Amino acid sequence: PTTAKYSPFLDVTRIVCVGLVCVDHGDPEFAKWNVILVQGWVLQFLFLVCGVCYGMSKKSLLGYELRLLKYAILGICINWSAWLLMGMDWKHNFFGVVFHIWFIVGIMGYALILYPL
């Protein structure tokens, strides 16, 4: 048996949470009715899962932050290209382009703040 500790339930939890966030953001009716009470627990649970995964990781803080920075840059580029393809006004609403990436920036900040613990 391998000595690496893999916890598939964390991946499943993360996938379910991200899927619920996508449904909540993707259809205003779901957000309006707060289906499955998504607005009350999903993001908090996602932050918790990310913290557990970082705690189990062998990566250094710098390696973790750089990996998250790559994801953030990639996500911003993908969102920006979608806005360009759709002909949307990204120049006057750049926050809308970056909106979904703030979660990653938050994880980066929390990892940096909580690293000494």
N, C-alpha and C. Protein backbone atom coordinates (compact mmCIF):
# COMPACT_ATOMS: atom_id res chain seq x y z
N PRO A 1 0.83 -1.21 0.00
CA PRO A 1 0.00 0.00 0.00
C PRO A 1 0.86 1.26 0.00
N THR A 2 0.32 2.28 -0.58
CA THR A 2 1.03 3.56 -0.64
C THR A 2 0.95 4.29 0.70
N THR A 3 1.95 5.12 0.95
CA THR A 3 1.95 5.89 2.20
C THR A 3 1.29 7.25 2.00
N ALA A 4 1.05 7.62 0.75
CA ALA A 4 0.38 8.90 0.48
C ALA A 4 -1.06 8.82 0.96
N LYS A 5 -1.49 9.89 1.61
CA LYS A 5 -2.85 9.90 2.13
C LYS A 5 -3.74 10.69 1.18
N TYR A 6 -4.64 9.99 0.55
CA TYR A 6 -5.58 10.62 -0.39
C TYR A 6 -6.98 10.50 0.19
N SER A 7 -7.68 11.60 0.19
CA SER A 7 -9.03 11.63 0.75
C SER A 7 -10.01 12.04 -0.35
N PRO A 8 -10.58 11.07 -1.05
CA PRO A 8 -11.48 11.41 -2.16
C PRO A 8 -12.72 12.18 -1.73
N PHE A 9 -13.14 12.03 -0.48
CA PHE A 9 -14.34 12.74 -0.04
C PHE A 9 -14.13 14.25 -0.07
N LEU A 10 -12.89 14.71 0.08
CA LEU A 10 -12.62 16.15 -0.02
C LEU A 10 -12.83 16.63 -1.45
N ASP A 11 -12.38 15.83 -2.43
CA ASP A 11 -12.60 16.19 -3.84
C ASP A 11 -14.08 16.20 -4.17
N VAL A 12 -14.81 15.19 -3.71
CA VAL A 12 -16.24 15.12 -3.98
C VAL A 12 -16.95 16.32 -3.34
N THR A 13 -16.60 16.64 -2.11
CA THR A 13 -17.20 17.77 -1.42
C THR A 13 -16.93 19.07 -2.18
N ARG A 14 -15.69 19.24 -2.61
CA ARG A 14 -15.32 20.44 -3.35
C ARG A 14 -16.10 20.54 -4.67
N ILE A 15 -16.22 19.43 -5.39
CA ILE A 15 -16.95 19.42 -6.66
C ILE A 15 -18.42 19.76 -6.45
N VAL A 16 -19.03 19.18 -5.42
CA VAL A 16 -20.44 19.47 -5.14
C VAL A 16 -20.63 20.94 -4.77
N CYS A 17 -19.75 21.46 -3.92
CA CYS A 17 -19.86 22.87 -3.52
C CYS A 17 -19.70 23.81 -4.71
N VAL A 18 -18.70 23.56 -5.55
CA VAL A 18 -18.48 24.42 -6.72
C VAL A 18 -19.68 24.32 -7.67
N GLY A 19 -20.21 23.12 -7.85
CA GLY A 19 -21.39 22.96 -8.69
C GLY A 19 -22.59 23.74 -8.17
N LEU A 20 -22.80 23.70 -6.85
CA LEU A 20 -23.91 24.45 -6.26
C LEU A 20 -23.71 25.96 -6.39
N VAL A 21 -22.48 26.42 -6.26
CA VAL A 21 -22.19 27.85 -6.45
C VAL A 21 -22.47 28.24 -7.90
N CYS A 22 -22.07 27.39 -8.85
CA CYS A 22 -22.33 27.67 -10.27
C CYS A 22 -23.82 27.77 -10.55
N VAL A 23 -24.60 26.84 -10.00
CA VAL A 23 -26.05 26.88 -10.20
C VAL A 23 -26.64 28.14 -9.58
N ASP A 24 -26.17 28.48 -8.38
CA ASP A 24 -26.69 29.66 -7.68
C ASP A 24 -26.36 30.94 -8.44
N HIS A 25 -25.14 31.04 -8.97
CA HIS A 25 -24.74 32.23 -9.73
C HIS A 25 -25.32 32.22 -11.14
N GLY A 26 -25.55 31.04 -11.68
CA GLY A 26 -25.96 30.94 -13.07
C GLY A 26 -27.42 31.23 -13.33
N ASP A 27 -28.28 31.03 -12.36
CA ASP A 27 -29.71 31.24 -12.55
C ASP A 27 -30.25 32.10 -11.42
N PRO A 28 -30.68 33.32 -11.73
CA PRO A 28 -31.17 34.22 -10.68
C PRO A 28 -32.35 33.65 -9.87
N GLU A 29 -33.12 32.75 -10.47
CA GLU A 29 -34.24 32.17 -9.73
C GLU A 29 -33.76 31.31 -8.56
N PHE A 30 -32.65 30.59 -8.76
CA PHE A 30 -32.10 29.79 -7.66
C PHE A 30 -31.62 30.70 -6.54
N ALA A 31 -30.95 31.80 -6.91
CA ALA A 31 -30.47 32.74 -5.90
C ALA A 31 -31.64 33.41 -5.18
N LYS A 32 -32.68 33.71 -5.93
CA LYS A 32 -33.84 34.39 -5.35
C LYS A 32 -34.52 33.52 -4.28
N TRP A 33 -34.63 32.23 -4.55
CA TRP A 33 -35.31 31.33 -3.62
C TRP A 33 -34.33 30.61 -2.70
N ASN A 34 -33.04 30.84 -2.87
CA ASN A 34 -32.01 30.23 -2.01
C ASN A 34 -32.20 28.71 -1.93
N VAL A 35 -32.24 28.07 -3.09
CA VAL A 35 -32.48 26.64 -3.19
C VAL A 35 -31.40 25.87 -2.41
N ILE A 36 -31.80 24.89 -1.66
CA ILE A 36 -30.95 24.06 -0.79
C ILE A 36 -30.16 24.92 0.21
N LEU A 37 -30.66 26.14 0.44
CA LEU A 37 -30.01 27.08 1.37
C LEU A 37 -28.54 27.30 1.01
N VAL A 38 -28.24 27.29 -0.28
CA VAL A 38 -26.87 27.37 -0.77
C VAL A 38 -26.14 28.60 -0.24
N GLN A 39 -26.83 29.71 -0.17
CA GLN A 39 -26.16 30.95 0.23
C GLN A 39 -25.72 30.94 1.69
N GLY A 40 -26.25 30.03 2.47
CA GLY A 40 -25.95 30.01 3.89
C GLY A 40 -24.82 29.08 4.30
N TRP A 41 -24.40 28.16 3.43
CA TRP A 41 -23.41 27.19 3.90
C TRP A 41 -22.35 26.81 2.87
N VAL A 42 -22.61 26.96 1.60
CA VAL A 42 -21.71 26.39 0.60
C VAL A 42 -20.34 27.06 0.58
N LEU A 43 -20.29 28.38 0.51
CA LEU A 43 -18.98 29.04 0.46
C LEU A 43 -18.18 28.83 1.74
N GLN A 44 -18.88 28.85 2.88
CA GLN A 44 -18.18 28.61 4.14
C GLN A 44 -17.59 27.20 4.16
N PHE A 45 -18.35 26.25 3.68
CA PHE A 45 -17.89 24.86 3.63
C PHE A 45 -16.73 24.72 2.66
N LEU A 46 -16.80 25.45 1.55
CA LEU A 46 -15.72 25.42 0.57
C LEU A 46 -14.43 25.99 1.15
N PHE A 47 -14.53 27.08 1.91
CA PHE A 47 -13.35 27.63 2.59
C PHE A 47 -12.78 26.60 3.57
N LEU A 48 -13.65 25.91 4.29
CA LEU A 48 -13.21 24.89 5.24
C LEU A 48 -12.47 23.76 4.53
N VAL A 49 -13.02 23.27 3.43
CA VAL A 49 -12.39 22.19 2.67
C VAL A 49 -11.02 22.63 2.14
N CYS A 50 -10.94 23.86 1.65
CA CYS A 50 -9.65 24.37 1.16
C CYS A 50 -8.63 24.45 2.29
N GLY A 51 -9.07 24.86 3.47
CA GLY A 51 -8.16 24.91 4.61
C GLY A 51 -7.67 23.54 5.02
N VAL A 52 -8.55 22.57 5.02
CA VAL A 52 -8.17 21.19 5.36
C VAL A 52 -7.17 20.67 4.33
N CYS A 53 -7.45 20.92 3.06
CA CYS A 53 -6.54 20.46 2.00
C CYS A 53 -5.17 21.10 2.13
N TYR A 54 -5.13 22.39 2.45
CA TYR A 54 -3.83 23.05 2.64
C TYR A 54 -3.12 22.48 3.87
N GLY A 55 -3.87 22.22 4.93
CA GLY A 55 -3.27 21.65 6.13
C GLY A 55 -2.68 20.26 5.89
N MET A 56 -3.28 19.51 4.98
CA MET A 56 -2.78 18.17 4.67
C MET A 56 -1.66 18.19 3.62
N SER A 57 -1.46 19.33 2.99
CA SER A 57 -0.50 19.45 1.90
C SER A 57 0.93 19.50 2.42
N LYS A 58 1.83 19.03 1.62
CA LYS A 58 3.26 19.10 1.95
C LYS A 58 3.92 20.30 1.28
N LYS A 59 3.15 21.06 0.51
CA LYS A 59 3.70 22.22 -0.20
C LYS A 59 4.08 23.33 0.77
N SER A 60 5.09 24.09 0.38
CA SER A 60 5.46 25.27 1.16
C SER A 60 4.42 26.36 0.91
N LEU A 61 4.42 27.37 1.76
CA LEU A 61 3.49 28.48 1.59
C LEU A 61 3.72 29.16 0.24
N LEU A 62 4.96 29.37 -0.12
CA LEU A 62 5.27 30.03 -1.39
C LEU A 62 4.77 29.20 -2.57
N GLY A 63 4.99 27.89 -2.54
CA GLY A 63 4.52 27.02 -3.61
C GLY A 63 3.00 27.04 -3.71
N TYR A 64 2.34 27.04 -2.57
CA TYR A 64 0.87 27.07 -2.53
C TYR A 64 0.34 28.39 -3.09
N GLU A 65 0.94 29.49 -2.66
CA GLU A 65 0.51 30.81 -3.12
C GLU A 65 0.75 30.96 -4.62
N LEU A 66 1.89 30.48 -5.12
CA LEU A 66 2.17 30.58 -6.55
C LEU A 66 1.19 29.75 -7.37
N ARG A 67 0.84 28.57 -6.87
CA ARG A 67 -0.13 27.73 -7.59
C ARG A 67 -1.49 28.42 -7.63
N LEU A 68 -1.91 29.01 -6.52
CA LEU A 68 -3.18 29.73 -6.50
C LEU A 68 -3.14 30.96 -7.40
N LEU A 69 -1.99 31.63 -7.44
CA LEU A 69 -1.84 32.80 -8.32
C LEU A 69 -1.98 32.39 -9.78
N LYS A 70 -1.42 31.24 -10.14
CA LYS A 70 -1.58 30.74 -11.51
C LYS A 70 -3.05 30.48 -11.83
N TYR A 71 -3.77 29.87 -10.90
CA TYR A 71 -5.20 29.62 -11.09
C TYR A 71 -5.97 30.93 -11.24
N ALA A 72 -5.61 31.93 -10.43
CA ALA A 72 -6.30 33.22 -10.49
C ALA A 72 -6.06 33.90 -11.83
N ILE A 73 -4.83 33.90 -12.28
CA ILE A 73 -4.51 34.52 -13.57
C ILE A 73 -5.21 33.79 -14.71
N LEU A 74 -5.18 32.47 -14.67
CA LEU A 74 -5.86 31.68 -15.70
C LEU A 74 -7.37 31.96 -15.69
N GLY A 75 -7.97 32.00 -14.52
CA GLY A 75 -9.40 32.27 -14.41
C GLY A 75 -9.77 33.66 -14.92
N ILE A 76 -8.97 34.65 -14.59
CA ILE A 76 -9.22 36.01 -15.07
C ILE A 76 -9.11 36.07 -16.59
N CYS A 77 -8.10 35.40 -17.14
CA CYS A 77 -7.93 35.38 -18.60
C CYS A 77 -9.10 34.68 -19.29
N ILE A 78 -9.57 33.58 -18.73
CA ILE A 78 -10.71 32.87 -19.32
C ILE A 78 -11.97 33.73 -19.24
N ASN A 79 -12.23 34.34 -18.08
CA ASN A 79 -13.40 35.21 -17.94
C ASN A 79 -13.31 36.39 -18.90
N TRP A 80 -12.14 36.99 -18.99
CA TRP A 80 -11.95 38.16 -19.85
C TRP A 80 -12.18 37.78 -21.31
N SER A 81 -11.66 36.64 -21.74
CA SER A 81 -11.86 36.22 -23.13
C SER A 81 -13.35 35.93 -23.40
N ALA A 82 -14.06 35.40 -22.41
CA ALA A 82 -15.50 35.18 -22.58
C ALA A 82 -16.23 36.50 -22.74
N TRP A 83 -15.84 37.49 -21.96
CA TRP A 83 -16.46 38.81 -22.08
C TRP A 83 -16.18 39.40 -23.46
N LEU A 84 -14.94 39.21 -23.96
CA LEU A 84 -14.60 39.70 -25.29
C LEU A 84 -15.43 39.01 -26.37
N LEU A 85 -15.53 37.68 -26.28
CA LEU A 85 -16.28 36.91 -27.27
C LEU A 85 -17.77 37.27 -27.27
N MET A 86 -18.30 37.58 -26.10
CA MET A 86 -19.72 37.93 -25.99
C MET A 86 -19.98 39.40 -26.32
N GLY A 87 -18.90 40.17 -26.54
CA GLY A 87 -19.05 41.59 -26.86
C GLY A 87 -19.50 42.42 -25.67
N MET A 88 -19.22 41.96 -24.48
CA MET A 88 -19.65 42.69 -23.27
C MET A 88 -18.64 43.79 -22.93
N ASP A 89 -19.10 44.79 -22.21
CA ASP A 89 -18.28 45.95 -21.88
C ASP A 89 -17.43 45.68 -20.63
N TRP A 90 -16.30 45.05 -20.83
CA TRP A 90 -15.43 44.69 -19.70
C TRP A 90 -14.65 45.89 -19.17
N LYS A 91 -14.46 46.91 -19.99
CA LYS A 91 -13.68 48.07 -19.55
C LYS A 91 -14.38 48.84 -18.44
N HIS A 92 -15.70 48.87 -18.48
CA HIS A 92 -16.45 49.61 -17.46
C HIS A 92 -16.98 48.71 -16.35
N ASN A 93 -16.71 47.42 -16.44
CA ASN A 93 -17.16 46.50 -15.40
C ASN A 93 -16.11 45.40 -15.21
N PHE A 94 -14.89 45.81 -14.95
CA PHE A 94 -13.83 44.82 -14.79
C PHE A 94 -14.06 43.97 -13.53
N PHE A 95 -14.75 44.51 -12.55
CA PHE A 95 -15.08 43.72 -11.37
C PHE A 95 -15.90 42.49 -11.76
N GLY A 96 -16.77 42.65 -12.74
CA GLY A 96 -17.56 41.52 -13.22
C GLY A 96 -16.69 40.43 -13.84
N VAL A 97 -15.58 40.82 -14.45
CA VAL A 97 -14.66 39.85 -15.04
C VAL A 97 -13.94 39.08 -13.95
N VAL A 98 -13.56 39.77 -12.90
CA VAL A 98 -12.75 39.17 -11.83
C VAL A 98 -13.62 38.57 -10.72
N PHE A 99 -14.91 38.81 -10.75
CA PHE A 99 -15.82 38.49 -9.65
C PHE A 99 -15.63 37.08 -9.08
N HIS A 100 -15.63 36.06 -9.91
CA HIS A 100 -15.55 34.67 -9.41
C HIS A 100 -14.17 34.29 -8.92
N ILE A 101 -13.18 35.10 -9.22
CA ILE A 101 -11.80 34.80 -8.84
C ILE A 101 -11.49 35.31 -7.43
N TRP A 102 -12.34 36.15 -6.86
CA TRP A 102 -12.08 36.66 -5.52
C TRP A 102 -12.00 35.55 -4.48
N PHE A 103 -12.64 34.43 -4.75
CA PHE A 103 -12.55 33.30 -3.83
C PHE A 103 -11.09 32.84 -3.72
N ILE A 104 -10.41 32.73 -4.85
CA ILE A 104 -9.01 32.29 -4.86
C ILE A 104 -8.13 33.32 -4.17
N VAL A 105 -8.39 34.59 -4.44
CA VAL A 105 -7.62 35.65 -3.77
C VAL A 105 -7.84 35.59 -2.26
N GLY A 106 -9.07 35.29 -1.84
CA GLY A 106 -9.35 35.14 -0.41
C GLY A 106 -8.60 33.97 0.20
N ILE A 107 -8.55 32.85 -0.50
CA ILE A 107 -7.80 31.69 -0.01
C ILE A 107 -6.32 32.04 0.13
N MET A 108 -5.79 32.80 -0.83
CA MET A 108 -4.39 33.22 -0.75
C MET A 108 -4.15 34.09 0.49
N GLY A 109 -5.07 35.01 0.74
CA GLY A 109 -4.94 35.88 1.91
C GLY A 109 -5.05 35.12 3.22
N TYR A 110 -6.02 34.21 3.30
CA TYR A 110 -6.17 33.42 4.52
C TYR A 110 -4.96 32.53 4.78
N ALA A 111 -4.41 31.94 3.73
CA ALA A 111 -3.22 31.09 3.90
C ALA A 111 -2.05 31.92 4.43
N LEU A 112 -1.90 33.12 3.91
CA LEU A 112 -0.81 33.99 4.36
C LEU A 112 -1.00 34.43 5.80
N ILE A 113 -2.21 34.82 6.15
CA ILE A 113 -2.50 35.29 7.51
C ILE A 113 -2.37 34.17 8.54
N LEU A 114 -2.85 32.99 8.19
CA LEU A 114 -2.90 31.88 9.14
C LEU A 114 -1.65 31.00 9.12
N TYR A 115 -0.71 31.29 8.25
CA TYR A 115 0.49 30.47 8.14
C TYR A 115 1.25 30.29 9.46
N PRO A 116 1.42 31.36 10.25
CA PRO A 116 2.17 31.20 11.51
C PRO A 116 1.53 30.21 12.50
N LEU A 117 0.24 29.96 12.37
CA LEU A 117 -0.41 29.04 13.31
C LEU A 117 0.04 27.63 13.04
